[in-house]
N, C-alpha and C. Protein backbone atom coordinates (compact mmCIF):
# COMPACT_ATOMS: atom_id res chain seq x y z
N MET A 1 -38.49 91.41 9.97
CA MET A 1 -37.23 90.78 8.78
C MET A 1 -38.23 90.17 7.76
N LEU A 2 -39.43 89.64 7.78
CA LEU A 2 -39.89 89.83 6.29
C LEU A 2 -39.90 90.93 5.51
N ARG A 3 -39.83 91.91 6.25
CA ARG A 3 -40.76 92.86 5.55
C ARG A 3 -39.18 93.47 4.54
N GLU A 4 -38.22 93.28 5.57
CA GLU A 4 -36.57 93.18 5.03
C GLU A 4 -36.16 92.10 4.45
N ILE A 5 -36.59 91.34 4.00
CA ILE A 5 -36.04 89.92 3.31
C ILE A 5 -37.02 90.65 1.31
N LEU A 6 -38.43 91.30 1.86
CA LEU A 6 -39.31 91.74 0.34
C LEU A 6 -38.87 93.01 0.12
N GLU A 7 -38.27 93.33 0.60
CA GLU A 7 -37.40 95.02 0.56
C GLU A 7 -36.41 95.09 -0.50
N LYS A 8 -36.00 93.84 0.01
CA LYS A 8 -34.45 93.38 -0.80
C LYS A 8 -34.49 92.23 -1.91
N ARG A 9 -35.09 91.77 -1.89
CA ARG A 9 -36.11 90.66 -2.79
C ARG A 9 -36.05 91.28 -4.57
N PHE A 10 -35.71 90.70 -5.67
CA PHE A 10 -35.38 90.99 -6.63
C PHE A 10 -35.86 89.67 -8.24
N THR A 11 -35.87 89.51 -8.84
CA THR A 11 -36.34 88.55 -10.07
C THR A 11 -34.96 87.83 -10.53
N ALA A 12 -34.05 87.00 -10.13
CA ALA A 12 -33.36 86.74 -10.21
C ALA A 12 -33.16 85.81 -11.52
N LYS A 13 -31.96 86.30 -12.46
CA LYS A 13 -32.35 85.61 -13.80
C LYS A 13 -31.24 85.21 -14.22
N TRP A 14 -30.00 85.49 -14.06
CA TRP A 14 -28.31 84.90 -14.48
C TRP A 14 -27.82 83.88 -12.92
N TRP A 15 -27.07 83.19 -12.75
CA TRP A 15 -27.07 82.06 -11.81
C TRP A 15 -25.34 81.85 -12.06
N SER A 16 -25.46 81.17 -10.64
CA SER A 16 -23.87 80.73 -10.71
C SER A 16 -24.14 79.27 -10.87
N ASP A 17 -23.05 78.29 -10.38
CA ASP A 17 -23.31 76.80 -10.36
C ASP A 17 -22.88 76.30 -9.33
N LYS A 18 -23.41 76.80 -8.08
CA LYS A 18 -23.16 76.95 -7.41
C LYS A 18 -24.95 76.24 -6.72
N PRO A 19 -24.63 74.70 -6.19
CA PRO A 19 -25.94 74.09 -5.96
C PRO A 19 -26.81 75.13 -5.20
N ILE A 20 -27.64 74.55 -3.98
CA ILE A 20 -28.70 74.59 -3.21
C ILE A 20 -28.25 73.55 -2.06
N GLU A 21 -27.91 73.96 -0.79
CA GLU A 21 -27.52 72.55 0.15
C GLU A 21 -28.61 71.83 0.17
N GLN A 22 -28.81 70.81 0.70
CA GLN A 22 -29.71 70.02 0.44
C GLN A 22 -30.46 70.48 1.37
N GLU A 23 -30.38 70.30 2.86
CA GLU A 23 -31.16 70.93 4.08
C GLU A 23 -31.83 72.02 4.27
N LYS A 24 -31.33 73.31 3.11
CA LYS A 24 -31.94 74.65 2.56
C LYS A 24 -33.15 74.26 1.71
N LEU A 25 -32.85 72.99 1.11
CA LEU A 25 -33.83 72.66 -0.51
C LEU A 25 -34.59 71.68 0.62
N ASP A 26 -34.25 71.65 1.48
CA ASP A 26 -35.76 70.44 2.20
C ASP A 26 -36.56 71.20 3.17
N TYR A 27 -35.61 72.34 3.60
CA TYR A 27 -36.89 73.29 4.90
C TYR A 27 -37.79 74.46 3.47
N ILE A 28 -36.97 74.12 2.23
CA ILE A 28 -38.11 74.62 1.17
C ILE A 28 -39.03 74.85 0.51
N LEU A 29 -39.03 73.39 0.52
CA LEU A 29 -39.99 72.11 0.97
C LEU A 29 -40.79 71.93 1.24
N ASP A 30 -40.22 72.43 2.07
CA ASP A 30 -41.06 71.52 3.23
C ASP A 30 -42.17 72.75 4.19
N CYS A 31 -41.62 73.71 3.82
CA CYS A 31 -42.49 75.33 3.60
C CYS A 31 -43.76 75.16 3.24
N ALA A 32 -43.52 74.85 1.41
CA ALA A 32 -44.30 74.75 0.50
C ALA A 32 -45.52 73.53 0.21
N TYR A 33 -44.87 72.91 1.01
CA TYR A 33 -45.76 71.20 1.21
C TYR A 33 -46.27 71.78 2.53
N SER A 34 -46.32 73.04 3.23
CA SER A 34 -47.21 73.23 4.31
C SER A 34 -48.32 74.67 3.65
N ALA A 35 -48.69 75.13 3.02
CA ALA A 35 -49.36 75.87 3.06
C ALA A 35 -50.35 75.47 2.85
N PRO A 36 -51.25 76.26 3.15
CA PRO A 36 -52.89 76.44 3.05
C PRO A 36 -53.66 76.11 1.68
N SER A 37 -54.33 75.41 1.21
CA SER A 37 -54.85 75.34 0.48
C SER A 37 -56.27 75.02 0.98
N LYS A 38 -57.38 75.30 -0.41
CA LYS A 38 -58.60 75.82 -0.17
C LYS A 38 -59.40 74.84 0.07
N ASN A 39 -60.33 74.81 1.19
CA ASN A 39 -60.41 73.14 1.59
C ASN A 39 -59.72 71.91 1.85
N GLY A 40 -58.47 72.63 2.00
CA GLY A 40 -57.31 71.11 1.88
C GLY A 40 -57.69 70.78 1.41
N LYS A 41 -57.34 70.09 -0.12
CA LYS A 41 -58.08 69.95 -1.39
C LYS A 41 -56.39 68.94 -1.99
N TYR A 42 -55.59 70.53 -2.79
CA TYR A 42 -54.34 70.03 -2.93
C TYR A 42 -54.06 69.54 -4.27
N ASN A 43 -55.36 70.54 -5.26
CA ASN A 43 -55.55 69.77 -6.33
C ASN A 43 -54.12 70.19 -7.36
N TYR A 44 -52.77 69.96 -6.88
CA TYR A 44 -51.47 70.12 -7.68
C TYR A 44 -50.74 69.74 -7.03
N GLU A 45 -48.90 70.10 -7.72
CA GLU A 45 -47.92 68.99 -7.29
C GLU A 45 -46.49 69.80 -8.01
N ILE A 46 -45.96 69.21 -7.41
CA ILE A 46 -44.82 70.09 -7.40
C ILE A 46 -43.91 69.30 -7.99
N PHE A 47 -42.88 69.90 -8.93
CA PHE A 47 -42.00 69.25 -9.38
C PHE A 47 -40.81 69.86 -9.28
N VAL A 48 -39.67 69.33 -9.27
CA VAL A 48 -37.57 69.39 -8.34
C VAL A 48 -37.85 69.62 -9.73
N LEU A 49 -36.52 70.11 -10.36
CA LEU A 49 -35.48 69.66 -11.29
C LEU A 49 -33.98 70.56 -10.96
N GLY A 50 -33.56 69.84 -10.52
CA GLY A 50 -32.74 69.44 -9.76
C GLY A 50 -31.74 69.24 -10.78
N ASP A 51 -29.88 68.63 -10.97
CA ASP A 51 -29.30 68.69 -12.30
C ASP A 51 -29.05 67.02 -12.94
N SER A 52 -29.95 66.16 -12.31
CA SER A 52 -30.79 65.21 -13.04
C SER A 52 -30.25 65.22 -14.90
N GLU A 53 -29.63 64.61 -15.21
CA GLU A 53 -29.92 64.05 -17.25
C GLU A 53 -31.28 64.60 -17.32
N LYS A 54 -32.76 64.54 -17.03
CA LYS A 54 -33.96 64.92 -17.29
C LYS A 54 -34.70 65.89 -16.68
N SER A 55 -33.63 66.76 -15.66
CA SER A 55 -33.92 67.89 -16.01
C SER A 55 -33.37 68.60 -15.98
N ASN A 56 -31.89 68.99 -16.71
CA ASN A 56 -31.57 68.96 -17.05
C ASN A 56 -31.94 70.20 -18.98
N GLU A 57 -32.79 68.67 -19.17
CA GLU A 57 -33.22 68.65 -20.58
C GLU A 57 -34.18 69.34 -20.56
N ILE A 58 -35.03 69.31 -19.75
CA ILE A 58 -36.72 70.02 -19.22
C ILE A 58 -35.75 71.59 -19.30
N LYS A 59 -35.09 71.84 -18.30
CA LYS A 59 -34.81 73.03 -18.30
C LYS A 59 -34.34 73.90 -19.53
N GLN A 60 -33.24 73.23 -20.34
CA GLN A 60 -32.90 73.89 -21.68
C GLN A 60 -33.96 74.23 -22.38
N TRP A 61 -35.30 72.97 -22.27
CA TRP A 61 -36.26 72.59 -23.52
C TRP A 61 -36.84 74.47 -22.70
N LEU A 62 -37.52 74.00 -21.76
CA LEU A 62 -38.02 75.91 -21.41
C LEU A 62 -37.32 77.42 -21.51
N TYR A 63 -36.52 76.66 -21.47
CA TYR A 63 -35.62 78.03 -22.37
C TYR A 63 -35.63 78.41 -23.79
N TRP A 64 -35.14 77.70 -24.21
CA TRP A 64 -34.82 78.25 -25.66
C TRP A 64 -36.23 77.57 -26.62
N GLU A 65 -37.56 76.67 -26.05
CA GLU A 65 -38.26 76.12 -26.87
C GLU A 65 -39.30 76.39 -26.23
N ASN A 66 -39.99 77.61 -24.49
CA ASN A 66 -41.04 77.62 -24.43
C ASN A 66 -41.02 78.93 -23.35
N THR A 67 -40.58 79.36 -23.76
CA THR A 67 -40.33 80.78 -22.29
C THR A 67 -40.60 81.58 -23.65
N TYR A 68 -39.20 81.93 -24.00
CA TYR A 68 -38.61 83.33 -24.56
C TYR A 68 -40.30 84.12 -25.50
N CYS A 69 -40.64 85.56 -25.30
CA CYS A 69 -40.98 86.32 -25.68
C CYS A 69 -41.08 87.14 -26.41
N ILE A 70 -41.54 88.25 -27.67
CA ILE A 70 -40.80 89.06 -28.41
C ILE A 70 -42.23 89.81 -28.00
N GLY A 71 -41.50 91.93 -27.80
CA GLY A 71 -42.77 92.36 -27.44
C GLY A 71 -44.07 91.58 -26.16
N GLY A 72 -43.77 91.07 -25.74
CA GLY A 72 -44.03 90.65 -25.13
C GLY A 72 -44.94 89.71 -24.77
N GLU A 73 -45.03 89.43 -25.50
CA GLU A 73 -46.20 87.76 -26.98
C GLU A 73 -45.50 86.81 -26.36
N ARG A 74 -45.49 85.48 -25.63
CA ARG A 74 -44.86 84.09 -25.87
C ARG A 74 -44.70 83.57 -27.34
N LEU A 75 -42.97 83.05 -27.16
CA LEU A 75 -42.92 81.81 -28.08
C LEU A 75 -43.89 83.34 -30.05
N ARG A 76 -43.84 84.71 -30.09
CA ARG A 76 -44.37 85.28 -30.95
C ARG A 76 -43.47 84.82 -32.20
N GLU A 77 -43.88 84.57 -33.19
CA GLU A 77 -43.22 84.76 -34.60
C GLU A 77 -42.32 86.38 -35.17
N GLY A 78 -41.46 85.55 -35.54
CA GLY A 78 -40.10 86.65 -35.79
C GLY A 78 -38.69 86.86 -35.44
N PRO A 79 -37.68 86.84 -35.82
CA PRO A 79 -36.40 86.33 -36.28
C PRO A 79 -35.17 86.45 -34.90
N ILE A 80 -34.04 85.55 -34.54
CA ILE A 80 -33.70 85.44 -33.86
C ILE A 80 -32.78 86.92 -33.25
N GLY A 81 -32.41 87.16 -32.16
CA GLY A 81 -31.92 88.45 -31.85
C GLY A 81 -32.12 89.49 -31.42
N HIS A 82 -33.93 89.55 -31.26
CA HIS A 82 -35.13 90.14 -30.01
C HIS A 82 -35.48 89.26 -29.55
N ARG A 83 -35.38 88.37 -29.05
CA ARG A 83 -36.23 87.93 -28.60
C ARG A 83 -36.04 87.82 -26.77
N ARG A 84 -36.44 88.30 -25.74
CA ARG A 84 -36.30 88.22 -24.63
C ARG A 84 -37.01 87.05 -23.45
N TYR A 85 -35.20 86.13 -23.52
CA TYR A 85 -35.55 85.21 -22.32
C TYR A 85 -35.15 85.18 -21.17
N ASN A 86 -36.08 83.38 -20.80
CA ASN A 86 -36.66 84.29 -19.14
C ASN A 86 -35.45 82.84 -18.20
N GLY A 87 -34.28 83.27 -17.94
CA GLY A 87 -33.20 82.43 -17.66
C GLY A 87 -33.82 82.00 -15.94
N GLN A 88 -34.82 82.41 -15.93
CA GLN A 88 -35.16 82.35 -13.90
C GLN A 88 -35.33 79.80 -13.87
N VAL A 89 -35.67 80.50 -15.33
CA VAL A 89 -36.02 78.18 -16.13
C VAL A 89 -34.56 77.41 -15.63
N LEU A 90 -33.54 78.34 -16.23
CA LEU A 90 -32.15 77.85 -15.58
C LEU A 90 -31.93 77.68 -14.88
N ALA A 91 -32.20 78.50 -13.44
CA ALA A 91 -31.24 77.99 -12.06
C ALA A 91 -31.42 76.36 -11.84
N PRO A 92 -30.43 76.61 -10.53
CA PRO A 92 -30.13 75.45 -10.10
C PRO A 92 -30.65 74.50 -9.77
N THR A 93 -32.22 74.90 -9.01
CA THR A 93 -33.32 74.03 -8.64
C THR A 93 -34.33 75.30 -9.69
N VAL A 94 -35.03 74.54 -10.32
CA VAL A 94 -36.44 74.86 -11.16
C VAL A 94 -37.93 74.11 -10.67
N LEU A 95 -38.66 75.08 -9.54
CA LEU A 95 -39.43 74.24 -9.11
C LEU A 95 -40.64 74.39 -9.98
N VAL A 96 -42.06 73.83 -10.50
CA VAL A 96 -42.95 73.54 -11.82
C VAL A 96 -44.57 73.44 -10.83
N TRP A 97 -45.04 74.12 -10.44
CA TRP A 97 -46.55 73.59 -10.09
C TRP A 97 -47.49 73.15 -10.72
N VAL A 98 -47.89 72.18 -11.37
CA VAL A 98 -48.31 71.41 -11.88
C VAL A 98 -50.44 71.15 -11.23
N ALA A 99 -50.61 71.81 -11.89
CA ALA A 99 -52.27 71.45 -11.23
C ALA A 99 -53.03 70.56 -11.71
N LYS A 100 -54.35 70.15 -11.43
CA LYS A 100 -54.89 68.77 -11.54
C LYS A 100 -56.14 69.57 -12.58
N HIS A 101 -56.76 70.45 -11.78
CA HIS A 101 -57.33 71.23 -12.65
C HIS A 101 -57.27 72.73 -13.58
N LYS A 102 -57.72 73.72 -14.14
CA LYS A 102 -57.67 74.73 -14.96
C LYS A 102 -58.72 75.65 -14.16
N ASN A 103 -59.01 75.48 -13.27
CA ASN A 103 -59.68 77.08 -12.53
C ASN A 103 -58.59 77.88 -11.72
N GLU A 104 -60.17 78.89 -10.91
CA GLU A 104 -58.95 80.07 -10.51
C GLU A 104 -59.44 79.65 -8.63
N GLU A 105 -59.54 78.52 -8.57
CA GLU A 105 -59.79 78.14 -6.99
C GLU A 105 -57.53 77.02 -7.28
N THR A 106 -57.81 76.17 -8.31
CA THR A 106 -56.35 75.82 -7.85
C THR A 106 -55.75 76.67 -8.24
N PHE A 107 -54.84 77.35 -9.45
CA PHE A 107 -54.29 78.38 -9.38
C PHE A 107 -54.07 79.02 -8.14
N ASN A 108 -55.08 79.64 -7.37
CA ASN A 108 -54.85 80.02 -6.19
C ASN A 108 -54.28 79.42 -5.40
N ASP A 109 -54.30 77.98 -5.74
CA ASP A 109 -54.13 77.10 -3.97
C ASP A 109 -52.34 77.15 -5.25
N CYS A 110 -51.72 77.24 -6.28
CA CYS A 110 -50.62 76.55 -6.53
C CYS A 110 -50.04 77.98 -6.28
N LEU A 111 -50.32 79.49 -6.18
CA LEU A 111 -49.94 80.86 -5.86
C LEU A 111 -49.60 80.81 -4.51
N VAL A 112 -49.89 80.68 -3.66
CA VAL A 112 -49.60 80.74 -2.46
C VAL A 112 -48.92 79.74 -2.16
N SER A 113 -49.04 78.38 -2.43
CA SER A 113 -47.27 77.92 -2.02
C SER A 113 -46.17 78.02 -2.62
N SER A 114 -46.28 78.67 -3.64
CA SER A 114 -45.27 79.65 -4.57
C SER A 114 -44.99 80.54 -4.43
N THR A 115 -46.22 81.27 -3.75
CA THR A 115 -44.93 82.51 -2.42
C THR A 115 -44.37 81.82 -1.31
N ILE A 116 -45.02 81.27 -0.70
CA ILE A 116 -44.15 80.54 0.62
C ILE A 116 -42.89 79.96 0.35
N ALA A 117 -42.98 79.44 -0.33
CA ALA A 117 -41.93 78.51 -1.27
C ALA A 117 -40.62 79.59 -1.32
N MET A 118 -40.95 81.01 -1.55
CA MET A 118 -40.24 81.94 -2.37
C MET A 118 -39.55 82.44 -1.00
N ILE A 119 -41.20 83.15 0.12
CA ILE A 119 -39.97 83.50 1.05
C ILE A 119 -38.80 82.91 2.10
N ALA A 120 -39.31 81.21 1.60
CA ALA A 120 -39.06 79.90 2.63
C ALA A 120 -37.55 80.76 2.41
N SER A 121 -37.19 80.49 0.96
CA SER A 121 -35.93 80.79 -0.27
C SER A 121 -35.46 81.46 0.31
N GLU A 122 -35.79 83.03 -0.36
CA GLU A 122 -35.34 84.05 0.82
C GLU A 122 -34.99 84.73 1.96
N GLU A 123 -35.34 83.98 2.91
CA GLU A 123 -34.86 83.77 4.01
C GLU A 123 -33.43 82.74 4.57
N GLN A 124 -33.78 81.71 3.23
CA GLN A 124 -32.28 81.37 3.69
C GLN A 124 -31.53 81.56 2.72
N GLY A 125 -31.63 82.85 2.28
CA GLY A 125 -30.13 83.40 1.65
C GLY A 125 -30.07 82.70 -0.41
N ILE A 126 -31.44 82.30 -0.08
CA ILE A 126 -31.23 81.77 -2.39
C ILE A 126 -32.39 82.63 -2.89
N ASN A 127 -31.86 83.11 -3.96
CA ASN A 127 -32.27 84.08 -4.83
C ASN A 127 -32.93 82.75 -5.71
N THR A 128 -34.31 83.64 -6.10
CA THR A 128 -35.42 83.02 -6.84
C THR A 128 -35.91 84.08 -7.75
N GLY A 129 -35.97 83.52 -8.86
CA GLY A 129 -37.05 84.07 -9.71
C GLY A 129 -38.88 83.78 -10.39
N PHE A 130 -40.29 84.54 -10.47
CA PHE A 130 -41.30 83.60 -10.98
C PHE A 130 -40.90 83.67 -12.18
N ASN A 131 -41.78 82.89 -12.70
CA ASN A 131 -41.61 82.95 -14.64
C ASN A 131 -43.26 82.03 -14.35
N GLY A 132 -44.69 83.02 -14.83
CA GLY A 132 -45.82 82.22 -15.75
C GLY A 132 -45.72 82.61 -17.02
N CYS A 133 -44.86 82.79 -17.76
CA CYS A 133 -44.77 82.82 -19.14
C CYS A 133 -44.27 82.04 -19.98
N LEU A 134 -44.56 80.85 -19.78
CA LEU A 134 -44.22 79.26 -19.66
C LEU A 134 -45.88 78.94 -20.45
N GLY A 135 -45.95 77.96 -21.90
CA GLY A 135 -46.35 76.75 -21.68
C GLY A 135 -47.38 76.00 -21.25
N GLU A 136 -48.73 76.17 -20.90
CA GLU A 136 -49.17 75.49 -19.12
C GLU A 136 -49.30 73.81 -20.19
N LYS A 137 -49.70 73.74 -20.57
CA LYS A 137 -50.15 72.33 -20.90
C LYS A 137 -48.89 71.83 -21.62
N GLU A 138 -48.10 71.93 -22.05
CA GLU A 138 -46.82 71.54 -23.06
C GLU A 138 -45.72 71.39 -21.65
N THR A 139 -45.77 72.45 -20.75
CA THR A 139 -44.95 72.09 -19.52
C THR A 139 -45.32 70.79 -18.79
N ALA A 140 -46.81 70.79 -18.36
CA ALA A 140 -47.27 69.53 -18.23
C ALA A 140 -47.01 68.41 -18.67
N GLU A 141 -47.38 68.44 -20.15
CA GLU A 141 -47.07 67.11 -20.29
C GLU A 141 -45.84 66.64 -20.82
N LYS A 142 -44.73 67.87 -20.67
CA LYS A 142 -43.26 67.41 -20.60
C LYS A 142 -42.51 66.98 -19.41
N LEU A 143 -43.75 66.68 -18.29
CA LEU A 143 -43.51 66.12 -17.15
C LEU A 143 -44.04 65.07 -16.56
N GLY A 144 -44.69 64.73 -18.36
CA GLY A 144 -45.49 63.06 -17.24
C GLY A 144 -46.60 63.55 -17.10
N ARG A 145 -47.47 64.49 -17.03
CA ARG A 145 -48.88 64.86 -16.79
C ARG A 145 -49.84 65.85 -18.20
N TYR A 146 -51.17 64.72 -18.34
CA TYR A 146 -51.41 64.78 -19.24
C TYR A 146 -52.73 64.95 -18.95
N ASP A 147 -54.02 64.93 -19.99
CA ASP A 147 -55.64 65.32 -19.71
C ASP A 147 -55.69 67.27 -19.66
N SER A 148 -56.09 66.96 -18.09
CA SER A 148 -56.39 68.74 -18.34
C SER A 148 -55.48 69.65 -16.85
N SER A 149 -54.22 68.24 -16.99
CA SER A 149 -53.15 69.17 -16.14
C SER A 149 -51.77 70.40 -16.85
N HIS A 150 -52.25 71.03 -16.23
CA HIS A 150 -51.53 72.86 -16.31
C HIS A 150 -50.38 73.31 -15.40
N ALA A 151 -49.31 73.65 -16.25
CA ALA A 151 -48.63 74.20 -15.88
C ALA A 151 -48.29 75.75 -14.99
N PRO A 152 -48.73 76.48 -14.28
CA PRO A 152 -49.43 77.92 -14.41
C PRO A 152 -48.12 78.85 -14.01
N ILE A 153 -46.79 78.14 -13.16
CA ILE A 153 -46.75 78.57 -12.28
C ILE A 153 -44.48 77.89 -12.39
N ALA A 154 -43.55 78.61 -12.44
CA ALA A 154 -42.29 77.47 -11.73
C ALA A 154 -41.57 78.54 -11.81
N MET A 155 -40.61 77.92 -10.81
CA MET A 155 -39.53 79.03 -9.99
C MET A 155 -38.95 78.64 -9.78
N GLY A 156 -37.36 79.25 -9.58
CA GLY A 156 -36.08 79.03 -10.27
C GLY A 156 -35.79 79.18 -8.19
N LEU A 157 -34.65 79.08 -8.59
CA LEU A 157 -33.75 79.01 -6.70
C LEU A 157 -31.97 79.31 -7.05
N GLY A 158 -31.88 79.30 -6.94
CA GLY A 158 -30.21 79.43 -6.09
C GLY A 158 -29.37 80.44 -5.96
N TYR A 159 -27.97 80.63 -6.04
CA TYR A 159 -27.35 82.10 -6.02
C TYR A 159 -27.19 82.39 -7.18
N ILE A 160 -26.93 83.48 -7.56
CA ILE A 160 -26.80 84.42 -9.20
C ILE A 160 -25.31 84.30 -8.72
N ASP A 161 -25.44 84.87 -10.04
CA ASP A 161 -23.29 84.94 -10.02
C ASP A 161 -22.89 85.85 -9.98
N LYS A 162 -24.21 87.27 -10.32
CA LYS A 162 -23.25 88.45 -9.70
C LYS A 162 -24.37 89.62 -9.91
N MET A 163 -24.52 90.99 -8.96
CA MET A 163 -25.34 92.07 -9.15
C MET A 163 -25.04 92.70 -10.60
N ASP A 164 -25.90 93.46 -11.82
CA ASP A 164 -26.05 94.53 -12.63
C ASP A 164 -26.38 95.19 -11.99
N ASP A 165 -26.17 96.64 -13.01
CA ASP A 165 -25.54 97.59 -13.20
C ASP A 165 -27.34 98.46 -14.23
N ASP A 166 -26.49 97.70 -15.55
CA ASP A 166 -27.14 97.41 -16.41
C ASP A 166 -28.71 96.73 -16.92
N ILE A 167 -29.50 97.14 -17.24
CA ILE A 167 -31.23 96.47 -16.79
C ILE A 167 -30.75 95.24 -17.69
N GLN A 168 -30.57 95.49 -18.30
CA GLN A 168 -30.16 93.68 -19.57
C GLN A 168 -28.61 93.04 -19.62
N ARG A 169 -29.54 91.77 -20.03
CA ARG A 169 -27.60 91.29 -20.76
C ARG A 169 -28.12 90.52 -22.10
N GLU A 170 -26.96 90.24 -23.15
CA GLU A 170 -27.26 90.04 -24.15
C GLU A 170 -27.49 87.99 -23.79
N VAL A 171 -28.20 87.90 -24.59
CA VAL A 171 -28.23 85.78 -24.94
C VAL A 171 -27.82 85.32 -26.11
N TYR A 172 -26.70 84.77 -25.69
CA TYR A 172 -26.18 84.10 -26.73
C TYR A 172 -26.04 82.43 -27.02
N LYS A 173 -25.61 82.22 -27.94
CA LYS A 173 -26.53 80.54 -27.65
C LYS A 173 -25.29 80.20 -29.77
N ASP A 174 -24.00 79.48 -29.38
CA ASP A 174 -22.98 79.30 -30.88
C ASP A 174 -22.42 80.33 -31.00
N ASN A 175 -22.40 81.51 -30.25
CA ASN A 175 -21.62 82.38 -30.66
C ASN A 175 -22.51 83.59 -31.87
N VAL A 176 -23.47 83.16 -31.48
CA VAL A 176 -24.73 83.96 -32.48
C VAL A 176 -25.99 85.08 -30.92
N LYS A 177 -25.48 86.21 -31.63
CA LYS A 177 -26.88 86.58 -30.32
C LYS A 177 -28.62 86.24 -30.83
N TYR A 178 -29.21 85.56 -29.23
CA TYR A 178 -30.67 85.50 -30.24
C TYR A 178 -31.21 86.21 -29.61
N GLY A 179 -31.08 86.86 -28.41
CA GLY A 179 -32.24 88.09 -27.25
C GLY A 179 -31.26 88.74 -27.03
N PHE A 180 -32.01 89.09 -25.10
CA PHE A 180 -31.69 89.24 -24.19
C PHE A 180 -32.41 88.90 -23.31
N ASP A 181 -31.76 89.16 -21.58
CA ASP A 181 -33.18 89.08 -20.99
C ASP A 181 -32.55 90.03 -19.46
N TYR A 182 -33.48 90.28 -18.63
CA TYR A 182 -33.01 91.66 -17.89
C TYR A 182 -32.05 91.33 -16.87
N GLY A 183 -30.94 91.41 -16.52
CA GLY A 183 -29.73 91.33 -15.70
C GLY A 183 -30.73 91.46 -13.90
N ASN A 184 -29.89 90.54 -13.12
CA ASN A 184 -29.69 90.81 -11.90
C ASN A 184 -29.38 92.18 -10.84
N VAL A 185 -31.02 92.85 -11.15
CA VAL A 185 -30.81 94.80 -10.53
C VAL A 185 -31.21 94.64 -9.50
N LYS A 186 -30.59 95.09 -8.52
CA LYS A 186 -31.32 95.25 -7.57
C LYS A 186 -32.78 96.50 -7.23
N PRO A 187 -33.10 96.22 -6.29
CA PRO A 187 -34.70 96.69 -6.88
C PRO A 187 -35.45 98.50 -6.23
N GLU A 188 -34.67 98.48 -5.91
CA GLU A 188 -34.25 99.89 -5.92
C GLU A 188 -33.97 100.55 -7.66
N ILE A 189 -33.28 100.23 -8.42
CA ILE A 189 -33.43 100.54 -9.34
C ILE A 189 -34.46 100.57 -10.12
N ARG A 190 -35.06 101.54 -10.77
CA ARG A 190 -36.43 102.03 -11.37
C ARG A 190 -36.57 101.73 -12.48
N ARG A 191 -35.65 101.97 -13.03
CA ARG A 191 -35.23 102.20 -14.62
C ARG A 191 -36.04 101.33 -15.64
N GLY A 192 -35.33 99.77 -14.87
CA GLY A 192 -36.42 98.85 -15.64
C GLY A 192 -38.28 98.60 -16.16
N PRO A 193 -38.65 98.28 -16.78
CA PRO A 193 -39.37 98.55 -17.74
C PRO A 193 -41.12 97.67 -16.71
N ASN A 194 -40.27 96.70 -15.54
CA ASN A 194 -41.24 96.39 -14.62
C ASN A 194 -41.21 97.02 -13.70
N ARG A 195 -40.58 97.83 -13.70
CA ARG A 195 -40.84 98.53 -12.05
C ARG A 195 -40.76 99.60 -12.12
N VAL A 196 -41.12 100.62 -13.01
CA VAL A 196 -41.40 102.20 -13.62
C VAL A 196 -42.41 102.41 -12.86
N GLY A 197 -43.37 101.51 -12.77
CA GLY A 197 -44.78 101.44 -12.48
C GLY A 197 -45.15 101.67 -11.75
N LYS A 198 -44.41 101.82 -10.77
CA LYS A 198 -45.00 100.70 -9.60
C LYS A 198 -45.61 101.42 -8.44
N LYS A 199 -46.59 101.75 -7.36
CA LYS A 199 -47.02 102.47 -7.21
C LYS A 199 -46.68 102.60 -5.56
N THR A 200 -46.98 104.63 -4.80
CA THR A 200 -46.46 104.71 -3.87
C THR A 200 -47.29 103.77 -2.70
N LYS A 201 -47.27 103.90 -1.60
CA LYS A 201 -47.11 102.91 0.02
C LYS A 201 -48.92 103.51 -0.40
N ASP A 202 -48.46 104.77 -0.63
CA ASP A 202 -49.65 105.32 -0.53
C ASP A 202 -51.31 105.35 -1.62
N GLU A 203 -50.57 105.04 -2.47
CA GLU A 203 -50.97 105.26 -3.39
C GLU A 203 -52.04 103.12 -3.32
N LEU A 204 -50.93 102.76 -3.22
CA LEU A 204 -51.56 101.13 -2.79
C LEU A 204 -52.51 100.89 -1.81
N ILE A 205 -52.30 101.57 -0.79
CA ILE A 205 -52.31 101.26 0.69
C ILE A 205 -53.62 102.43 0.92
N HIS A 206 -55.28 101.90 1.08
CA HIS A 206 -55.64 103.15 1.82
C HIS A 206 -56.43 102.64 3.03
N LEU A 207 -56.48 103.63 3.97
CA LEU A 207 -56.79 103.35 5.04
C LEU A 207 -58.50 103.53 5.32
N MET A 208 -59.50 103.29 5.40
CA MET A 208 -60.94 102.90 5.70
C MET A 208 -61.20 103.30 7.03
């Protein structure tokens, strides 16, 4: 069952307005909460951005001002029209992991917790999209956490609007093209820029 879930999963970017059922969200958060932590430290928090005015303000800020990139570089200077946006952060629900310390141990804890949340979501029929292309310090501050706090990972959760045959969709604001984002593309389609280099199973796994 888990193998089938992972084989069908893709990074969701474009969403329907349908909210996540509360019981499903509760299950996902319970699973994230139950994730193991190095020495039981749990030096992180999980912020849940839903449909409140504050949540939507933060999601719009993340999308338009904090997570776009040009040529693979976040917030690179350049004209509008060529930016690649990250629609993961516009999902009906966005989870943001905020770590209290910037070190490998805490990052690994956030990664384990977010991966478990992803699996729990997909198990419930909820689409997911990881995003690590964000301003870690700025995002933590936007969520009210200062000092050494940073946000290494965000993940969108929800139901997609439709599947795409094309690799990308154009992004418009006020009838002006601002750039593009990748589409909701099935995992078996390999021509996308983030998929062409995937190794075969024999290349990746070595039996000694």
